[in-house]
N, C-alpha and C. Protein backbone atom coordinates (compact mmCIF):
# COMPACT_ATOMS: atom_id res chain seq x y z
N MET A 1 81.69 29.73 204.67
CA MET A 1 80.94 30.63 204.57
C MET A 1 80.91 31.83 203.59
N ARG A 2 80.01 31.86 202.82
CA ARG A 2 79.88 33.00 201.73
C ARG A 2 79.24 34.20 202.46
N ARG A 3 80.11 35.23 202.00
CA ARG A 3 79.58 36.50 202.57
C ARG A 3 78.78 37.29 201.70
N VAL A 4 77.65 37.78 202.04
CA VAL A 4 76.65 38.66 201.07
C VAL A 4 76.47 39.91 201.39
N ARG A 5 76.63 40.77 200.24
CA ARG A 5 76.45 42.38 200.81
C ARG A 5 75.05 42.38 201.25
N PRO A 6 74.77 43.47 202.18
CA PRO A 6 73.40 43.82 202.64
C PRO A 6 72.41 44.46 201.35
N GLY A 7 71.41 43.55 201.16
CA GLY A 7 70.24 43.91 200.31
C GLY A 7 70.80 42.71 198.93
N ALA A 8 71.86 42.00 198.99
CA ALA A 8 71.98 41.14 197.56
C ALA A 8 71.35 39.79 198.04
N ALA A 9 71.10 39.02 196.87
CA ALA A 9 70.48 37.93 197.22
C ALA A 9 71.57 36.96 197.55
N ALA A 10 71.10 35.89 198.70
CA ALA A 10 72.03 35.03 199.23
C ALA A 10 72.31 33.61 198.41
N SER A 11 71.40 33.42 197.36
CA SER A 11 71.49 32.12 196.67
C SER A 11 71.97 32.39 195.39
N ARG A 12 73.07 31.75 194.94
CA ARG A 12 73.33 31.90 193.46
C ARG A 12 72.38 31.34 192.71
N GLY A 13 71.67 30.50 192.90
CA GLY A 13 70.55 29.47 192.21
C GLY A 13 69.28 30.11 192.24
N GLY A 14 69.01 30.87 193.03
CA GLY A 14 67.55 31.36 193.38
C GLY A 14 66.95 32.07 192.40
N ALA A 15 65.54 32.37 192.35
CA ALA A 15 64.92 32.89 191.14
C ALA A 15 65.38 34.47 191.22
N SER A 16 65.12 34.77 190.00
CA SER A 16 65.54 36.15 189.58
C SER A 16 64.48 37.34 189.90
N PRO A 17 64.80 38.40 190.55
CA PRO A 17 63.58 39.27 190.79
C PRO A 17 63.12 39.38 189.60
N THR A 18 63.62 39.56 188.23
CA THR A 18 62.87 39.83 187.34
C THR A 18 61.71 38.90 187.00
N LEU A 19 61.87 37.82 187.38
CA LEU A 19 60.83 36.52 187.30
C LEU A 19 59.94 36.58 188.41
N GLY A 20 59.91 37.55 188.99
CA GLY A 20 58.75 37.89 190.18
C GLY A 20 58.76 37.04 191.41
N SER A 21 60.19 36.75 191.84
CA SER A 21 60.57 36.38 193.03
C SER A 21 60.35 37.27 194.09
N ALA A 22 60.13 36.73 195.35
CA ALA A 22 60.17 37.74 196.54
C ALA A 22 61.31 38.66 196.69
N ARG A 23 60.96 39.88 197.19
CA ARG A 23 62.01 40.69 197.34
C ARG A 23 63.01 40.21 198.47
N VAL A 24 64.25 40.45 198.23
CA VAL A 24 65.23 40.10 198.95
C VAL A 24 65.63 41.36 199.88
N GLY A 25 65.83 41.18 201.09
CA GLY A 25 66.48 42.10 201.69
C GLY A 25 66.07 43.58 201.66
N GLY A 26 64.72 43.85 201.53
CA GLY A 26 64.06 45.21 201.45
C GLY A 26 64.23 45.62 199.97
N ALA A 27 64.92 45.05 199.12
CA ALA A 27 65.23 45.63 197.67
C ALA A 27 63.93 45.34 196.86
N PRO A 28 63.60 46.29 195.91
CA PRO A 28 62.49 46.22 195.21
C PRO A 28 62.67 45.62 194.11
N SER A 29 61.48 44.58 193.71
CA SER A 29 61.51 43.91 192.57
C SER A 29 61.83 44.96 191.39
N ARG A 30 62.52 44.32 190.23
CA ARG A 30 62.68 45.18 189.08
C ARG A 30 61.80 44.64 187.90
N ALA A 31 61.63 45.48 187.09
CA ALA A 31 60.74 45.29 186.03
C ALA A 31 61.72 44.60 184.84
N ALA A 32 60.86 43.81 183.86
CA ALA A 32 61.71 43.02 183.01
C ALA A 32 62.71 43.97 182.09
N GLY A 33 63.96 43.69 182.00
CA GLY A 33 64.89 44.37 181.16
C GLY A 33 65.51 45.60 182.32
N GLU A 34 65.01 45.83 183.33
CA GLU A 34 65.58 47.15 184.12
C GLU A 34 66.91 46.62 184.75
N GLU A 35 67.71 47.52 184.51
CA GLU A 35 69.25 47.26 185.18
C GLU A 35 69.14 47.54 186.63
N ARG A 36 70.02 46.68 187.14
CA ARG A 36 70.29 46.89 188.68
C ARG A 36 71.43 47.61 188.84
N ALA A 37 71.47 48.36 189.81
CA ALA A 37 72.49 49.29 190.13
C ALA A 37 73.39 48.38 190.88
N LEU A 38 74.77 48.44 190.40
CA LEU A 38 75.94 47.73 191.10
C LEU A 38 76.38 48.72 192.12
N THR A 39 76.72 48.07 193.73
CA THR A 39 77.33 48.81 194.66
C THR A 39 78.88 48.18 194.59
N SER A 40 79.71 49.02 195.14
CA SER A 40 81.11 48.41 195.36
C SER A 40 81.34 48.23 196.69
N VAL A 41 82.24 47.33 197.28
CA VAL A 41 82.57 47.00 198.64
C VAL A 41 84.07 47.58 198.59
N ALA A 42 84.50 48.52 199.15
CA ALA A 42 86.00 48.85 199.17
C ALA A 42 86.77 47.93 199.83
N ALA A 43 88.17 47.87 199.35
CA ALA A 43 88.95 46.78 199.95
C ALA A 43 89.17 47.28 201.19
N GLY A 44 89.10 46.22 202.30
CA GLY A 44 89.35 46.36 203.80
C GLY A 44 88.06 46.68 204.46
N ASP A 45 87.08 46.95 203.80
CA ASP A 45 85.60 47.00 204.48
C ASP A 45 85.40 45.68 205.33
N THR A 46 84.69 46.05 206.44
CA THR A 46 84.27 44.86 207.26
C THR A 46 83.08 44.50 207.31
N PHE A 47 82.43 43.68 207.76
CA PHE A 47 81.02 43.20 207.77
C PHE A 47 80.58 43.16 209.36
N GLU A 48 79.41 43.24 209.70
CA GLU A 48 79.08 43.42 210.89
C GLU A 48 79.66 41.95 211.58
N GLY A 49 80.33 42.48 213.10
CA GLY A 49 80.84 41.39 213.66
C GLY A 49 82.25 40.97 213.44
N GLU A 50 82.81 41.58 212.31
CA GLU A 50 84.17 41.48 211.76
C GLU A 50 85.06 42.41 212.45
N GLU A 51 86.24 41.97 213.07
CA GLU A 51 87.13 43.29 213.44
C GLU A 51 88.28 43.59 212.21
N PRO A 52 88.42 44.77 212.23
CA PRO A 52 89.22 45.30 211.12
C PRO A 52 90.55 44.82 211.09
N ALA A 53 91.15 44.48 209.82
CA ALA A 53 92.35 43.94 209.72
C ALA A 53 93.42 45.08 209.35
N ASP A 54 93.95 45.55 210.53
CA ASP A 54 95.00 46.67 210.38
C ASP A 54 96.19 46.36 210.44
N GLN A 55 96.31 45.18 210.94
CA GLN A 55 97.80 44.72 211.07
C GLN A 55 98.38 44.01 209.66
N PRO A 56 99.44 44.66 209.26
CA PRO A 56 100.08 43.92 208.17
C PRO A 56 100.16 42.39 208.22
N ARG A 57 99.98 41.71 206.99
CA ARG A 57 100.20 40.20 206.88
C ARG A 57 101.30 39.78 205.89
N LEU A 58 102.01 38.84 206.09
CA LEU A 58 102.72 38.22 204.68
C LEU A 58 101.73 37.67 203.79
N TRP A 59 102.23 37.99 202.48
CA TRP A 59 101.40 37.29 201.41
C TRP A 59 102.57 36.80 200.50
N HIS A 60 102.35 35.52 199.82
CA HIS A 60 103.33 35.03 198.83
C HIS A 60 102.87 35.46 197.48
N VAL A 61 103.64 36.08 196.65
CA VAL A 61 103.34 36.58 195.39
C VAL A 61 104.15 35.75 194.39
N THR A 62 103.50 35.21 193.50
CA THR A 62 103.87 34.81 192.16
C THR A 62 103.40 35.82 190.90
N LEU A 63 104.44 36.36 190.31
CA LEU A 63 103.96 37.31 189.06
C LEU A 63 104.57 36.66 187.76
N SER A 64 103.98 36.42 187.06
CA SER A 64 104.51 35.79 185.70
C SER A 64 104.22 36.98 184.39
N VAL A 65 105.27 36.85 183.64
CA VAL A 65 105.39 37.92 182.60
C VAL A 65 105.92 37.22 181.23
N SER A 66 105.39 37.65 180.23
CA SER A 66 105.73 37.29 178.97
C SER A 66 105.62 38.28 177.93
N GLY A 67 106.36 37.84 176.88
CA GLY A 67 106.36 38.79 175.37
C GLY A 67 107.44 38.37 174.44
N GLY A 68 107.72 39.05 173.67
CA GLY A 68 108.62 38.68 172.49
C GLY A 68 109.94 38.40 173.11
N GLU A 69 110.54 37.61 172.34
CA GLU A 69 112.18 37.18 172.81
C GLU A 69 113.09 38.04 173.07
N ALA A 70 113.69 37.95 174.09
CA ALA A 70 114.92 38.71 174.36
C ALA A 70 116.23 38.01 174.70
N PRO A 71 117.41 38.62 174.52
CA PRO A 71 118.32 37.81 174.87
C PRO A 71 118.64 37.34 176.29
N LEU A 72 118.91 36.15 176.49
CA LEU A 72 118.87 35.60 178.16
C LEU A 72 119.98 36.51 178.87
N LYS A 73 120.94 36.73 178.32
CA LYS A 73 121.97 37.55 179.19
C LYS A 73 121.22 38.93 179.74
N GLU A 74 120.41 39.67 178.70
CA GLU A 74 119.68 40.87 179.21
C GLU A 74 118.80 40.57 180.22
N VAL A 75 117.70 39.42 179.98
CA VAL A 75 116.62 39.12 180.91
C VAL A 75 117.29 38.82 182.11
N ARG A 76 118.50 38.00 182.34
CA ARG A 76 118.74 37.70 183.61
C ARG A 76 119.53 38.98 184.23
N ARG A 77 120.24 39.85 183.54
CA ARG A 77 120.64 41.10 184.12
C ARG A 77 119.72 42.16 184.69
N GLY A 78 118.45 42.07 183.73
CA GLY A 78 117.43 42.91 184.27
C GLY A 78 116.82 42.24 185.51
N LEU A 79 116.44 41.03 185.62
CA LEU A 79 115.81 40.34 186.93
C LEU A 79 116.84 40.46 188.03
N GLU A 80 118.25 40.30 188.05
CA GLU A 80 119.16 40.89 189.08
C GLU A 80 119.00 42.09 189.41
N GLN A 81 118.80 42.97 188.71
CA GLN A 81 118.70 44.54 189.09
C GLN A 81 117.52 44.50 189.85
N LEU A 82 116.38 44.21 189.47
CA LEU A 82 115.07 43.91 189.85
C LEU A 82 115.21 43.47 191.18
N ALA A 83 115.99 42.37 191.56
CA ALA A 83 116.29 41.90 192.84
C ALA A 83 116.97 42.75 193.87
N HIS A 84 117.91 43.47 192.93
CA HIS A 84 118.60 44.59 193.92
C HIS A 84 117.73 45.65 194.12
N ASP A 85 116.91 46.10 193.44
CA ASP A 85 116.01 47.31 193.77
C ASP A 85 114.88 47.01 194.50
N HIS A 86 114.48 45.66 194.56
CA HIS A 86 113.22 45.30 195.49
C HIS A 86 113.74 44.22 196.25
N PRO A 87 114.34 44.41 197.40
CA PRO A 87 115.16 43.48 198.29
C PRO A 87 114.47 42.22 198.61
N PHE A 88 112.97 42.23 198.50
CA PHE A 88 112.33 41.20 199.12
C PHE A 88 112.04 39.97 197.94
N LEU A 89 112.71 40.32 196.75
CA LEU A 89 112.50 38.92 195.73
C LEU A 89 113.13 37.77 196.41
N LEU A 90 112.49 36.61 196.22
CA LEU A 90 113.11 35.30 196.76
C LEU A 90 113.93 34.98 195.58
N THR A 91 113.04 34.62 194.45
CA THR A 91 113.56 33.90 193.33
C THR A 91 112.96 34.41 191.90
N SER A 92 113.79 34.35 190.90
CA SER A 92 113.12 34.59 189.46
C SER A 92 113.65 33.35 188.72
N ARG A 93 112.92 33.13 187.85
CA ARG A 93 113.03 32.08 186.76
C ARG A 93 112.63 32.86 185.55
N TYR A 94 113.78 32.29 184.47
CA TYR A 94 113.33 33.07 183.39
C TYR A 94 113.74 32.24 182.24
N ALA A 95 113.34 32.67 180.93
CA ALA A 95 113.46 32.16 179.60
C ALA A 95 113.58 33.43 178.69
N ASN A 96 113.94 33.06 177.20
CA ASN A 96 114.03 34.15 176.46
C ASN A 96 112.54 34.76 176.24
N ASP A 97 111.51 34.33 176.58
CA ASP A 97 110.38 35.01 176.37
C ASP A 97 109.22 35.07 177.50
N HIS A 98 109.52 34.68 178.74
CA HIS A 98 108.92 34.74 179.88
C HIS A 98 109.84 34.53 181.08
N ALA A 99 109.19 35.14 182.14
CA ALA A 99 109.87 35.11 183.59
C ALA A 99 108.67 34.86 184.58
N GLU A 100 109.17 34.46 185.56
CA GLU A 100 108.18 34.36 187.01
C GLU A 100 109.13 34.72 188.05
N ILE A 101 108.29 35.73 188.67
CA ILE A 101 109.00 36.12 189.84
C ILE A 101 108.30 35.90 191.40
N ARG A 102 108.95 35.38 192.13
CA ARG A 102 108.42 35.07 193.50
C ARG A 102 108.84 35.72 194.71
N TYR A 103 108.05 36.26 195.60
CA TYR A 103 108.54 37.01 196.64
C TYR A 103 107.47 37.06 197.73
N TRP A 104 107.93 37.45 198.96
CA TRP A 104 107.05 37.69 200.11
C TRP A 104 106.57 39.30 200.23
N GLU A 105 105.29 39.69 200.13
CA GLU A 105 105.08 41.07 200.36
C GLU A 105 104.32 41.22 201.72
N GLU A 106 104.76 42.35 202.46
CA GLU A 106 103.91 42.63 203.60
C GLU A 106 102.84 43.64 203.05
N ALA A 107 101.53 43.29 203.48
CA ALA A 107 100.45 44.30 203.21
C ALA A 107 99.24 43.97 204.12
N ARG A 108 98.53 44.97 204.29
CA ARG A 108 97.28 44.98 205.18
C ARG A 108 96.36 43.77 204.81
N ASP A 109 96.05 43.76 203.38
CA ASP A 109 95.27 42.75 202.80
C ASP A 109 95.61 42.60 201.45
N LEU A 110 94.88 41.44 200.89
CA LEU A 110 95.42 40.86 199.30
C LEU A 110 95.10 42.02 198.46
N HIS A 111 94.21 42.75 198.61
CA HIS A 111 93.97 44.04 197.61
C HIS A 111 95.37 44.60 197.47
N ASP A 112 96.09 45.08 198.77
CA ASP A 112 97.26 45.91 198.62
C ASP A 112 98.22 45.15 198.02
N ALA A 113 98.53 43.85 198.39
CA ALA A 113 99.51 43.27 198.07
C ALA A 113 99.72 42.59 196.45
N ALA A 114 98.27 42.58 195.90
CA ALA A 114 98.24 42.39 194.43
C ALA A 114 98.52 43.82 193.99
N ALA A 115 98.01 44.80 194.38
CA ALA A 115 98.27 46.37 193.77
C ALA A 115 99.62 46.38 193.51
N VAL A 116 100.39 46.17 194.61
CA VAL A 116 101.87 46.41 194.58
C VAL A 116 102.53 45.51 193.46
N ALA A 117 102.02 44.16 193.47
CA ALA A 117 102.62 43.04 192.56
C ALA A 117 102.31 43.70 191.13
N LEU A 118 101.22 44.07 191.05
CA LEU A 118 100.79 44.52 189.31
C LEU A 118 101.55 45.89 188.95
N ARG A 119 102.03 46.49 189.87
CA ARG A 119 102.87 47.70 189.50
C ARG A 119 104.28 47.25 189.43
N LEU A 120 104.89 46.30 190.05
CA LEU A 120 106.04 45.98 190.30
C LEU A 120 106.99 45.89 188.89
N TRP A 121 106.60 45.27 187.70
CA TRP A 121 107.05 44.93 186.41
C TRP A 121 107.27 46.33 185.98
N GLY A 122 106.21 47.13 185.76
CA GLY A 122 106.16 48.38 185.08
C GLY A 122 106.96 49.38 185.72
N GLU A 123 106.75 49.42 187.02
CA GLU A 123 107.67 50.66 187.76
C GLU A 123 109.19 50.46 187.79
N HIS A 124 109.49 49.19 187.65
CA HIS A 124 110.96 48.77 187.49
C HIS A 124 111.47 48.61 186.11
N ARG A 125 110.62 48.47 185.16
CA ARG A 125 111.00 48.38 183.84
C ARG A 125 112.16 49.13 183.06
N GLN A 126 112.07 50.43 183.36
CA GLN A 126 113.09 51.29 182.95
C GLN A 126 114.12 51.23 183.79
N THR A 127 114.33 51.34 185.26
CA THR A 127 115.48 51.25 185.84
C THR A 127 116.33 50.04 185.79
N ALA A 128 115.37 49.00 185.63
CA ALA A 128 116.42 47.57 185.62
C ALA A 128 116.34 47.11 184.27
N LYS A 129 115.88 48.04 183.26
CA LYS A 129 115.95 47.50 182.12
C LYS A 129 115.64 46.24 181.65
N LEU A 130 114.26 46.00 182.01
CA LEU A 130 113.67 44.83 181.87
C LEU A 130 112.98 44.57 180.42
N PRO A 131 112.49 43.58 179.79
CA PRO A 131 112.04 43.42 178.59
C PRO A 131 110.55 43.96 178.85
N PRO A 132 110.04 44.45 177.54
CA PRO A 132 108.68 44.98 177.33
C PRO A 132 107.74 44.00 177.52
N TRP A 133 107.64 43.12 178.41
CA TRP A 133 106.79 42.13 178.49
C TRP A 133 105.45 42.59 179.36
N GLU A 134 104.43 41.85 179.05
CA GLU A 134 103.16 42.00 179.94
C GLU A 134 103.12 41.19 181.01
N ILE A 135 102.33 41.58 182.02
CA ILE A 135 101.95 40.62 183.06
C ILE A 135 100.66 39.68 182.61
N VAL A 136 101.22 38.34 182.77
CA VAL A 136 100.06 37.49 182.11
C VAL A 136 99.57 36.45 183.39
N GLY A 137 100.04 36.50 184.49
CA GLY A 137 99.40 36.10 185.76
C GLY A 137 99.96 36.42 187.17
N LEU A 138 99.11 36.28 187.82
CA LEU A 138 99.32 36.93 189.29
C LEU A 138 98.50 35.93 190.51
N GLU A 139 99.56 35.47 191.10
CA GLU A 139 98.86 34.70 192.39
C GLU A 139 99.47 35.15 193.72
N VAL A 140 98.56 35.54 194.46
CA VAL A 140 98.85 36.30 195.80
C VAL A 140 98.13 35.41 196.81
N ILE A 141 98.68 34.46 197.64
CA ILE A 141 98.15 33.77 198.68
C ILE A 141 98.70 34.13 200.02
N ASP A 142 97.69 33.99 201.08
CA ASP A 142 98.68 34.36 202.29
C ASP A 142 99.46 33.20 202.82
N ARG A 143 100.44 33.63 204.23
CA ARG A 143 101.14 32.94 204.56
C ARG A 143 100.87 31.28 204.91
N GLU A 144 99.47 31.52 205.51
CA GLU A 144 99.00 30.13 206.04
C GLU A 144 98.72 29.21 204.93
N THR A 145 97.79 30.00 203.75
CA THR A 145 97.85 28.95 202.63
C THR A 145 98.85 28.41 201.92
N TYR A 146 100.04 29.28 201.90
CA TYR A 146 101.24 28.71 201.05
C TYR A 146 101.67 27.62 202.12
N HIS A 147 101.97 27.62 203.25
CA HIS A 147 102.53 26.63 204.08
C HIS A 147 101.61 25.37 204.32
N GLN A 148 100.09 25.66 204.13
CA GLN A 148 99.41 24.43 203.87
C GLN A 148 99.53 23.49 202.75
N ARG A 149 99.78 24.43 201.47
CA ARG A 149 99.91 23.75 200.28
C ARG A 149 101.20 22.98 200.35
N ILE A 150 102.29 23.52 200.88
CA ILE A 150 103.90 22.90 200.90
C ILE A 150 103.48 21.53 201.85
N ALA A 151 102.94 21.73 202.86
CA ALA A 151 102.57 20.58 203.87
C ALA A 151 101.90 19.51 203.27
N GLU A 152 101.03 19.75 202.27
CA GLU A 152 100.02 18.55 201.49
C GLU A 152 100.65 18.17 200.33
N GLY A 153 101.84 18.90 199.87
CA GLY A 153 102.61 18.32 198.83
C GLY A 153 102.27 18.97 197.48
N TYR A 154 101.38 19.88 197.56
CA TYR A 154 101.20 20.65 196.23
C TYR A 154 101.47 22.36 196.33
N GLY A 155 101.10 22.83 195.21
CA GLY A 155 101.57 24.26 195.20
C GLY A 155 102.75 24.62 194.93
N PRO A 156 103.43 25.77 194.85
CA PRO A 156 104.63 26.14 194.39
C PRO A 156 105.68 25.61 195.46
N LEU A 157 106.71 25.10 195.05
CA LEU A 157 107.78 24.58 195.73
C LEU A 157 108.42 25.74 196.59
N PRO A 158 108.97 25.42 197.78
CA PRO A 158 109.71 26.62 198.34
C PRO A 158 110.79 27.09 197.56
N ALA A 159 110.85 28.45 197.89
CA ALA A 159 111.90 29.37 196.97
C ALA A 159 113.07 29.03 197.04
N THR A 160 113.63 27.84 196.70
CA THR A 160 115.21 27.69 196.85
C THR A 160 115.74 26.87 195.35
N PRO A 161 116.99 27.33 195.10
CA PRO A 161 117.82 28.36 195.62
C PRO A 161 117.16 29.59 195.38
N VAL A 162 117.43 30.57 196.41
CA VAL A 162 116.91 31.93 196.25
C VAL A 162 117.91 32.57 194.98
N GLY A 163 117.41 33.56 194.30
CA GLY A 163 118.19 34.11 193.31
C GLY A 163 117.47 34.16 191.94
N VAL A 164 118.31 34.42 190.71
CA VAL A 164 117.57 34.32 189.59
C VAL A 164 118.45 33.25 188.60
N HIS A 165 117.32 32.47 188.28
CA HIS A 165 117.62 31.18 187.62
C HIS A 165 117.01 30.84 186.19
N PRO A 166 117.52 30.37 185.30
CA PRO A 166 116.93 29.78 184.23
C PRO A 166 115.70 28.65 184.62
N PHE A 167 114.85 28.58 183.58
CA PHE A 167 113.73 27.66 183.73
C PHE A 167 114.24 26.21 183.46
């Protein structure tokens, strides 16, 4: 089921208000070329009938980074230090120009888990002496989805063996 903000059109393929369609949710029609004001829904906001999700959940995070080549020994040492600094790291795989870090994060919602993941590399780059690579990929999935993927035979393989390993 797709959630729709109050006042937003429920259909993706519906007629545009600028083409003279009926008003949706009491929102006035716009004149041709008139911009629609965007509204934001804060992370963690609930809709009518929903219960707040105050309890933390487990999220499986896969963070991919890449950049210029770096000596393999330095990459490995940096990832080992990162695992020491961030004890929830499950596994890291690396090459001389990219790495993948997988771990479980406890957070209230996906937004919080993703925010922590996006800060991980930058915040530990100096202390762990990680290469100056950029984040090029991020996947955050809940525990149920992770286990469903594994049971169906697709998705990331379980993080074994745990630790820092070359690709």
